[in-house]
Amino acid sequence: MSPASSLPSPALTRTKALRFVVLLGIVSLLADMTYEGARSIAGPYLALLGAGGTVVGIVAGFGELIGYGLRLVSGYLSDRTRRYWAITLIGYTVNLLAVPLLALADRWELAAALLITERIGKALRTPARDAMLSYATRETGRGWGFGLHEAMDQIGAVAGPVIITLVLAGRGHYPTAFAVLAVPAVLALAVLLTARRLYPRPQDLEPTTPVLKTEGFPRTYWLYLAAVALVAAGYADFPLIAFHFEKTGSVPGPWIPLLYAVAMGVDALAALWFGRWFDRVGLRILMLVALLSALFAPLVFLGGFTAALFGMALWGIGMGAQESILRAAVGNMVAHERRGSAYGIFNTGYGLFWFLGSALMGVLYDTALPALIAFSVVAQLASIPLFAVVARRTTIRS
């Protein structure tokens, strides 16, 4: 038998890569079921323990800020140590086990600390996990692979709050609800350990080629990051949108979570559809996504129920693209051995500008709603020329 005949076939390699993507997708499904379920009642739980509105806002904002900021450090460590699995496992363990421990919190200070700890865990594991996904999706198609992962992730994001709703409807106790979330948390860690055993070196799923220079990142990466920052800054948080629905009565109270569920469903479908198109046409698809998602703000903030429904669908399209093909594109721009750092910087920049944009839109909502809408639309449309430049300079590998 010749050495060439002993090599795995391309079909076998793609199958192995797809299985790895699905395993991490199952982990994300169960993980999202855990912490999105907890986040759906975090605010009322803090209030029940005696926290005021200011505390709830600070805990939520600080948790997100530190959660994104730490990804810069985590991504660097991933590349520096090459211990992608160790960092991912530690991050998921912290991320998931903090949730059921909320059942034992008897003071808002302890609950707040656990909620922030959960965000820290997510920050630790995300760059390393995304780097491992990028290695596998080289064979499946990066858009499709990240899109499939995001779709599975969103199934968990919808299922978690539904489970919490059912638990509270039956028992009515927040500690019981948090305790129930220990089940998907433990299952997620079990699947993650299984993936670690089956794929101890996921970086081997992507063939590597010698590079002459590995210092720094290409200019296209920084242009791309600038475009992503504009998209993030112009995207309104759902809590602000929900606040508007409740304040104006444009959407009846019981329908607000349903519209969010619609957006999450669209998110999952958009991740798959745009992921497939990303593999065919490359970054040009992001220009279409930015154009569509820019329309959500006038619909949700100026229209009635029907306009809000269509606006939330467009909001979901944008979210689906942001959580799938925005991440997928990084893998095509950065060398194999710098992926962890690249994803760390990407996530930190995205989170920072999301935070700054959200803060600005919160101020604009209280002072001049038309200015909020204009800022959201202009920021997202301004990303299109940058995406066009990056698309021309980037060769998408099939």
Protein backbone atom coordinates (compact mmCIF):
# COMPACT_ATOMS: atom_id res chain seq x y z
CA MET A 1 0.00 0.00 0.00
CA SER A 2 1.42 3.40 -0.99
CA PRO A 3 1.62 6.23 1.53
CA ALA A 4 -0.93 8.21 -0.48
CA SER A 5 -3.49 5.41 -0.32
CA SER A 6 -3.28 5.38 3.49
CA LEU A 7 -4.38 9.01 3.78
CA PRO A 8 -8.01 9.65 4.75
CA SER A 9 -10.32 10.53 1.88
CA PRO A 10 -11.70 14.09 1.61
CA ALA A 11 -15.19 12.73 2.30
CA LEU A 12 -13.99 11.04 5.49
CA THR A 13 -12.23 14.22 6.61
CA ARG A 14 -15.39 16.28 6.00
CA THR A 15 -17.46 13.75 7.94
CA LYS A 16 -15.09 13.93 10.90
CA ALA A 17 -15.13 17.70 10.79
CA LEU A 18 -18.94 17.82 10.61
CA ARG A 19 -19.22 15.49 13.60
CA PHE A 20 -16.95 17.78 15.57
CA VAL A 21 -19.07 20.83 14.65
CA VAL A 22 -22.24 18.99 15.68
CA LEU A 23 -20.72 17.91 19.01
CA LEU A 24 -19.78 21.50 19.83
CA GLY A 25 -23.23 22.54 18.61
CA ILE A 26 -24.84 20.18 21.12
CA VAL A 27 -22.62 21.62 23.84
CA SER A 28 -23.73 25.14 22.90
CA LEU A 29 -27.38 24.08 22.77
CA LEU A 30 -27.23 22.70 26.31
CA ALA A 31 -25.07 25.58 27.55
CA ASP A 32 -27.43 28.21 26.15
CA MET A 33 -30.35 26.33 27.65
CA THR A 34 -28.57 26.75 30.99
CA TYR A 35 -27.45 30.36 31.06
CA GLU A 36 -30.12 31.90 28.82
CA GLY A 37 -32.69 30.24 31.04
CA ALA A 38 -31.01 31.86 34.04
CA ARG A 39 -30.70 35.26 32.36
CA SER A 40 -34.42 35.28 31.58
CA ILE A 41 -35.16 35.55 35.34
CA ALA A 42 -31.93 37.15 36.61
CA GLY A 43 -33.45 40.63 36.91
CA PRO A 44 -36.56 39.60 38.87
CA TYR A 45 -34.43 37.30 41.08
CA LEU A 46 -32.06 40.13 42.00
CA ALA A 47 -35.06 42.31 42.77
CA LEU A 48 -36.55 39.57 44.94
CA LEU A 49 -33.30 39.44 46.92
CA GLY A 50 -33.46 43.18 47.54
CA ALA A 51 -31.49 44.75 44.66
CA GLY A 52 -32.72 47.96 43.04
CA GLY A 53 -32.95 48.87 39.38
CA THR A 54 -29.54 50.54 39.41
CA VAL A 55 -27.90 47.39 40.75
CA VAL A 56 -29.63 45.23 38.12
CA GLY A 57 -28.44 47.53 35.34
CA ILE A 58 -24.87 47.69 36.64
CA VAL A 59 -24.63 43.92 37.11
CA ALA A 60 -25.93 43.27 33.58
CA GLY A 61 -23.73 45.92 31.95
CA PHE A 62 -20.58 45.10 33.91
CA GLY A 63 -21.04 41.39 33.31
CA GLU A 64 -21.21 41.90 29.54
CA LEU A 65 -18.32 44.37 29.51
CA ILE A 66 -15.94 42.16 31.49
CA GLY A 67 -17.21 39.13 29.58
CA TYR A 68 -16.08 40.61 26.29
CA GLY A 69 -12.94 42.30 27.61
CA LEU A 70 -11.48 39.08 29.02
CA ARG A 71 -11.74 37.42 25.61
CA LEU A 72 -8.72 39.40 24.51
CA VAL A 73 -6.62 37.73 27.24
CA SER A 74 -8.19 34.32 26.70
CA GLY A 75 -7.56 34.40 22.97
CA TYR A 76 -3.92 35.34 23.48
CA LEU A 77 -3.44 32.53 26.01
CA SER A 78 -5.05 30.05 23.62
CA ASP A 79 -2.49 30.78 20.93
CA ARG A 80 0.39 31.14 23.35
CA THR A 81 -0.17 27.80 25.09
CA ARG A 82 -2.00 25.89 22.30
CA ARG A 83 -4.12 24.41 25.12
CA TYR A 84 -7.42 25.08 23.40
CA TRP A 85 -9.23 22.24 25.13
CA ALA A 86 -8.01 23.08 28.63
CA ILE A 87 -9.10 26.72 28.33
CA THR A 88 -12.43 25.70 26.79
CA LEU A 89 -13.14 23.16 29.53
CA ILE A 90 -12.26 25.58 32.33
CA GLY A 91 -14.40 28.29 30.76
CA TYR A 92 -17.45 26.07 30.27
CA THR A 93 -17.14 24.69 33.82
CA VAL A 94 -17.12 28.17 35.35
CA ASN A 95 -19.78 29.39 32.92
CA LEU A 96 -22.23 26.57 33.59
CA LEU A 97 -21.79 25.65 37.24
CA ALA A 98 -22.31 29.25 38.36
CA VAL A 99 -25.94 28.97 37.22
CA PRO A 100 -27.32 26.22 39.49
CA LEU A 101 -25.38 27.74 42.39
CA LEU A 102 -27.75 30.71 42.11
CA ALA A 103 -30.32 28.45 43.80
CA LEU A 104 -28.25 28.76 47.00
CA ALA A 105 -27.88 32.55 46.90
CA ASP A 106 -29.62 34.23 49.81
CA ARG A 107 -28.32 37.76 49.18
CA TRP A 108 -28.34 39.87 46.04
CA GLU A 109 -24.58 40.45 46.39
CA LEU A 110 -23.91 36.70 46.08
CA ALA A 111 -26.33 36.33 43.18
CA ALA A 112 -24.68 39.28 41.40
CA ALA A 113 -21.24 37.74 41.89
CA LEU A 114 -22.43 34.44 40.41
CA LEU A 115 -24.02 36.17 37.42
CA ILE A 116 -20.76 38.00 36.71
CA THR A 117 -18.81 34.76 37.22
CA GLU A 118 -20.99 33.09 34.58
CA ARG A 119 -20.03 35.84 32.10
CA ILE A 120 -16.34 35.43 33.01
CA GLY A 121 -16.56 31.71 32.22
CA LYS A 122 -18.08 32.46 28.85
CA ALA A 123 -15.30 34.94 28.13
CA LEU A 124 -12.63 32.36 28.93
CA ARG A 125 -13.94 29.65 26.64
CA THR A 126 -15.25 31.55 23.60
CA PRO A 127 -12.03 32.43 21.67
CA ALA A 128 -10.54 28.94 22.14
CA ARG A 129 -13.80 27.27 21.13
CA ASP A 130 -14.18 29.50 18.05
CA ALA A 131 -10.60 28.74 17.04
CA MET A 132 -11.32 24.99 17.23
CA LEU A 133 -14.51 25.51 15.22
CA SER A 134 -12.56 27.40 12.57
CA TYR A 135 -10.25 24.40 12.11
CA ALA A 136 -13.17 22.03 11.54
CA THR A 137 -15.16 24.38 9.34
CA ARG A 138 -12.32 24.58 6.83
CA GLU A 139 -13.66 21.25 5.55
CA THR A 140 -17.41 21.79 6.02
CA GLY A 141 -17.44 25.33 4.68
CA ARG A 142 -16.89 28.02 7.29
CA GLY A 143 -20.19 29.78 6.70
CA TRP A 144 -22.20 26.57 6.88
CA GLY A 145 -20.25 25.24 9.88
CA PHE A 146 -20.57 28.39 11.96
CA GLY A 147 -24.18 28.76 10.78
CA LEU A 148 -25.04 25.24 11.92
CA HIS A 149 -23.38 25.89 15.27
CA GLU A 150 -25.34 29.13 15.72
CA ALA A 151 -28.64 27.45 14.77
CA MET A 152 -28.13 24.76 17.42
CA ASP A 153 -27.07 27.45 19.88
CA GLN A 154 -30.34 29.32 19.32
CA ILE A 155 -32.44 26.21 19.90
CA GLY A 156 -31.00 26.17 23.41
CA ALA A 157 -31.52 29.93 23.78
CA VAL A 158 -35.24 29.46 23.13
CA ALA A 159 -35.62 26.22 25.10
CA GLY A 160 -34.00 27.54 28.30
CA PRO A 161 -36.51 30.34 29.01
CA VAL A 162 -39.37 28.01 28.06
CA ILE A 163 -38.19 25.46 30.65
CA ILE A 164 -37.93 28.20 33.26
CA THR A 165 -41.45 29.38 32.43
CA LEU A 166 -42.82 25.85 32.88
CA VAL A 167 -40.98 25.36 36.17
CA LEU A 168 -42.22 28.64 37.60
CA ALA A 169 -45.75 27.94 36.40
CA GLY A 170 -45.69 24.62 38.24
CA ARG A 171 -43.74 25.47 41.41
CA GLY A 172 -43.38 29.22 41.44
CA HIS A 173 -39.92 29.26 43.08
CA TYR A 174 -36.81 30.85 41.56
CA PRO A 175 -34.33 28.58 43.43
CA THR A 176 -36.10 25.52 42.03
CA ALA A 177 -35.82 26.92 38.52
CA PHE A 178 -32.07 27.53 38.89
CA ALA A 179 -31.58 24.06 40.35
CA VAL A 180 -33.33 22.46 37.36
CA LEU A 181 -30.77 24.11 35.08
CA ALA A 182 -28.09 21.88 36.62
CA VAL A 183 -29.33 19.10 34.32
CA PRO A 184 -28.43 20.73 30.96
CA ALA A 185 -25.27 22.14 32.56
CA VAL A 186 -23.97 18.68 33.51
CA LEU A 187 -25.03 17.22 30.16
CA ALA A 188 -23.16 20.00 28.33
CA LEU A 189 -19.95 19.24 30.23
CA ALA A 190 -20.39 15.50 29.54
CA VAL A 191 -20.71 16.10 25.78
CA LEU A 192 -17.74 18.47 25.88
CA LEU A 193 -15.58 15.82 27.55
CA THR A 194 -16.71 13.32 24.91
CA ALA A 195 -15.67 15.71 22.15
CA ARG A 196 -12.32 16.19 23.88
CA ARG A 197 -11.76 12.43 23.95
CA LEU A 198 -12.74 11.93 20.30
CA TYR A 199 -10.91 14.98 18.95
CA PRO A 200 -7.87 15.67 21.16
CA ARG A 201 -6.28 17.83 18.42
CA PRO A 202 -9.01 19.60 16.43
CA GLN A 203 -6.38 21.80 14.80
CA ASP A 204 -5.37 18.74 12.78
CA LEU A 205 -8.74 18.91 10.99
CA GLU A 206 -7.41 21.86 9.00
CA PRO A 207 -4.43 21.27 6.71
CA THR A 208 -1.73 23.84 7.34
CA THR A 209 0.63 25.44 4.89
CA PRO A 210 3.97 27.06 5.75
CA VAL A 211 3.74 30.81 6.29
CA LEU A 212 6.59 33.25 5.79
CA LYS A 213 5.35 35.74 8.35
CA THR A 214 3.12 35.28 11.36
CA GLU A 215 3.72 38.59 13.12
CA GLY A 216 0.63 40.75 13.37
CA PHE A 217 -2.63 40.53 11.44
CA PRO A 218 -3.32 41.48 7.82
CA ARG A 219 -4.73 44.93 7.06
CA THR A 220 -7.97 43.37 5.86
CA TYR A 221 -8.56 42.00 9.36
CA TRP A 222 -8.43 45.49 10.89
CA LEU A 223 -10.68 46.93 8.17
CA TYR A 224 -13.07 44.08 8.81
CA LEU A 225 -12.98 44.76 12.55
CA ALA A 226 -13.85 48.42 11.88
CA ALA A 227 -16.89 47.32 9.84
CA VAL A 228 -17.95 44.91 12.58
CA ALA A 229 -17.60 47.69 15.17
CA LEU A 230 -20.03 49.86 13.20
CA VAL A 231 -22.56 47.02 13.00
CA ALA A 232 -22.25 46.31 16.72
CA ALA A 233 -22.56 49.98 17.71
CA GLY A 234 -25.71 50.42 15.65
CA TYR A 235 -27.51 47.37 16.98
CA ALA A 236 -30.12 48.06 19.67
CA ASP A 237 -30.31 45.65 22.61
CA PHE A 238 -33.58 43.76 22.93
CA PRO A 239 -34.15 45.05 26.50
CA LEU A 240 -34.32 48.59 25.07
CA ILE A 241 -36.67 47.43 22.32
CA ALA A 242 -38.84 45.58 24.86
CA PHE A 243 -38.85 48.67 27.08
CA HIS A 244 -40.15 50.71 24.12
CA PHE A 245 -42.86 48.14 23.36
CA GLU A 246 -44.02 48.20 26.97
CA LYS A 247 -43.85 51.99 27.33
CA THR A 248 -45.72 52.83 24.12
CA GLY A 249 -48.09 49.87 24.10
CA SER A 250 -47.23 49.20 20.43
CA VAL A 251 -46.89 45.53 21.40
CA PRO A 252 -49.11 44.07 24.16
CA GLY A 253 -47.11 42.84 27.16
CA PRO A 254 -47.76 39.09 26.71
CA TRP A 255 -46.66 39.35 23.07
CA ILE A 256 -43.24 40.87 23.79
CA PRO A 257 -41.49 37.57 24.65
CA LEU A 258 -43.23 35.97 21.66
CA LEU A 259 -41.71 38.55 19.32
CA TYR A 260 -38.33 37.79 20.87
CA ALA A 261 -38.93 34.09 20.21
CA VAL A 262 -39.77 34.95 16.58
CA ALA A 263 -36.48 36.85 16.31
CA MET A 264 -34.55 33.89 17.75
CA GLY A 265 -36.22 31.53 15.28
CA VAL A 266 -35.32 33.83 12.39
CA ASP A 267 -31.80 34.07 13.85
CA ALA A 268 -31.35 30.29 13.60
CA LEU A 269 -32.68 30.07 10.03
CA ALA A 270 -30.68 33.12 8.92
CA ALA A 271 -27.49 31.66 10.34
CA LEU A 272 -27.90 28.55 8.19
CA TRP A 273 -29.05 30.35 5.03
CA PHE A 274 -26.50 33.15 5.08
CA GLY A 275 -23.80 30.72 6.19
CA ARG A 276 -24.36 28.68 3.05
CA TRP A 277 -24.29 31.80 0.88
CA PHE A 278 -21.14 33.03 2.59
CA ASP A 279 -19.38 29.85 1.41
CA ARG A 280 -20.51 30.61 -2.17
CA VAL A 281 -20.04 34.36 -2.55
CA GLY A 282 -17.85 35.33 0.40
CA LEU A 283 -18.00 38.58 2.34
CA ARG A 284 -20.27 40.25 -0.20
CA ILE A 285 -23.22 38.61 1.56
CA LEU A 286 -22.49 40.79 4.60
CA MET A 287 -23.34 43.87 2.55
CA LEU A 288 -26.84 42.50 1.98
CA VAL A 289 -27.20 41.57 5.66
CA ALA A 290 -26.20 45.09 6.78
CA LEU A 291 -28.69 46.61 4.34
CA LEU A 292 -31.54 44.44 5.63
CA SER A 293 -30.79 44.76 9.32
CA ALA A 294 -30.44 48.55 9.09
CA LEU A 295 -34.20 48.70 8.51
CA PHE A 296 -35.18 47.18 11.85
CA ALA A 297 -34.86 50.38 13.92
CA PRO A 298 -37.53 52.50 12.17
CA LEU A 299 -39.89 49.52 12.13
CA VAL A 300 -39.62 48.61 15.82
CA PHE A 301 -39.42 52.17 17.18
CA LEU A 302 -41.93 53.97 14.94
CA GLY A 303 -44.48 51.39 13.85
CA GLY A 304 -47.33 49.46 15.40
CA PHE A 305 -47.58 45.74 16.03
CA THR A 306 -47.23 44.61 12.40
CA ALA A 307 -44.22 46.84 11.80
CA ALA A 308 -42.67 45.62 15.06
CA LEU A 309 -43.12 42.02 13.95
CA PHE A 310 -41.30 42.63 10.66
CA GLY A 311 -38.70 44.73 12.46
CA MET A 312 -37.94 41.95 14.91
CA ALA A 313 -37.61 39.50 12.01
CA LEU A 314 -34.99 41.81 10.44
CA TRP A 315 -33.33 42.15 13.86
CA GLY A 316 -33.15 38.35 14.00
CA ILE A 317 -31.60 38.20 10.53
CA GLY A 318 -28.85 40.55 11.65
CA MET A 319 -28.23 38.61 14.85
CA GLY A 320 -28.04 35.32 12.95
CA ALA A 321 -25.42 36.75 10.63
CA GLN A 322 -23.45 38.37 13.45
CA GLU A 323 -23.23 35.11 15.41
CA SER A 324 -22.29 32.98 12.41
CA ILE A 325 -20.68 34.49 9.30
CA LEU A 326 -19.06 37.40 11.14
CA ARG A 327 -17.13 34.78 13.14
CA ALA A 328 -16.63 32.52 10.14
CA ALA A 329 -14.90 35.25 8.13
CA VAL A 330 -12.13 35.61 10.71
CA GLY A 331 -10.96 32.09 9.96
CA ASN A 332 -10.37 33.03 6.32
CA MET A 333 -8.26 36.07 7.16
CA VAL A 334 -5.88 34.91 9.88
CA ALA A 335 -3.16 32.28 9.92
CA HIS A 336 -3.84 28.95 11.61
CA GLU A 337 -1.60 29.64 14.60
CA ARG A 338 -3.04 33.13 15.36
CA ARG A 339 -6.75 32.24 15.41
CA GLY A 340 -7.24 32.34 19.19
CA SER A 341 -5.81 35.87 19.42
CA ALA A 342 -7.79 36.96 16.37
CA TYR A 343 -11.06 35.75 17.87
CA GLY A 344 -10.16 37.32 21.20
CA ILE A 345 -9.62 40.74 19.61
CA PHE A 346 -12.70 40.30 17.43
CA ASN A 347 -14.96 39.46 20.38
CA THR A 348 -13.51 42.21 22.57
CA GLY A 349 -13.96 44.86 19.87
CA TYR A 350 -17.46 43.65 19.08
CA GLY A 351 -18.48 43.68 22.73
CA LEU A 352 -16.91 47.08 23.46
CA PHE A 353 -18.65 48.83 20.57
CA TRP A 354 -21.92 47.04 21.32
CA PHE A 355 -21.68 48.38 24.87
CA LEU A 356 -20.83 51.93 23.74
CA GLY A 357 -23.54 51.92 21.09
CA SER A 358 -26.12 50.57 23.52
CA ALA A 359 -25.23 53.22 26.11
CA LEU A 360 -25.54 55.99 23.51
CA MET A 361 -28.87 54.68 22.22
CA GLY A 362 -30.18 54.49 25.77
CA VAL A 363 -29.39 58.21 26.20
CA LEU A 364 -30.87 59.05 22.79
CA TYR A 365 -34.05 57.16 23.60
CA ASP A 366 -34.67 59.45 26.57
CA THR A 367 -33.79 62.62 24.66
CA ALA A 368 -34.51 62.23 20.93
CA LEU A 369 -35.94 58.99 19.52
CA PRO A 370 -35.43 60.05 15.86
CA ALA A 371 -31.72 60.54 16.64
CA LEU A 372 -31.55 56.98 18.01
CA ILE A 373 -33.09 55.61 14.82
CA ALA A 374 -30.80 57.71 12.63
CA PHE A 375 -27.72 56.58 14.55
CA SER A 376 -28.70 52.90 14.29
CA VAL A 377 -29.40 53.08 10.55
CA VAL A 378 -26.36 55.19 9.63
CA ALA A 379 -23.90 53.13 11.70
CA GLN A 380 -24.99 49.88 10.04
CA LEU A 381 -25.08 51.35 6.52
CA ALA A 382 -21.61 52.83 7.08
CA SER A 383 -20.25 49.27 7.44
CA ILE A 384 -21.20 48.39 3.85
CA PRO A 385 -18.34 50.26 2.07
CA LEU A 386 -15.83 48.68 4.48
CA PHE A 387 -17.26 45.21 3.86
CA ALA A 388 -16.97 45.92 0.12
CA VAL A 389 -13.29 46.83 0.44
CA VAL A 390 -12.54 43.76 2.56
CA ALA A 391 -14.46 41.52 0.12
CA ARG A 392 -12.29 42.72 -2.76
CA ARG A 393 -9.09 42.12 -0.82
CA THR A 394 -9.96 38.77 0.71
CA THR A 395 -9.73 35.49 -1.14
CA ILE A 396 -12.34 33.12 0.26
CA ARG A 397 -10.94 29.61 0.30
CA SER A 398 -13.33 26.89 -0.70
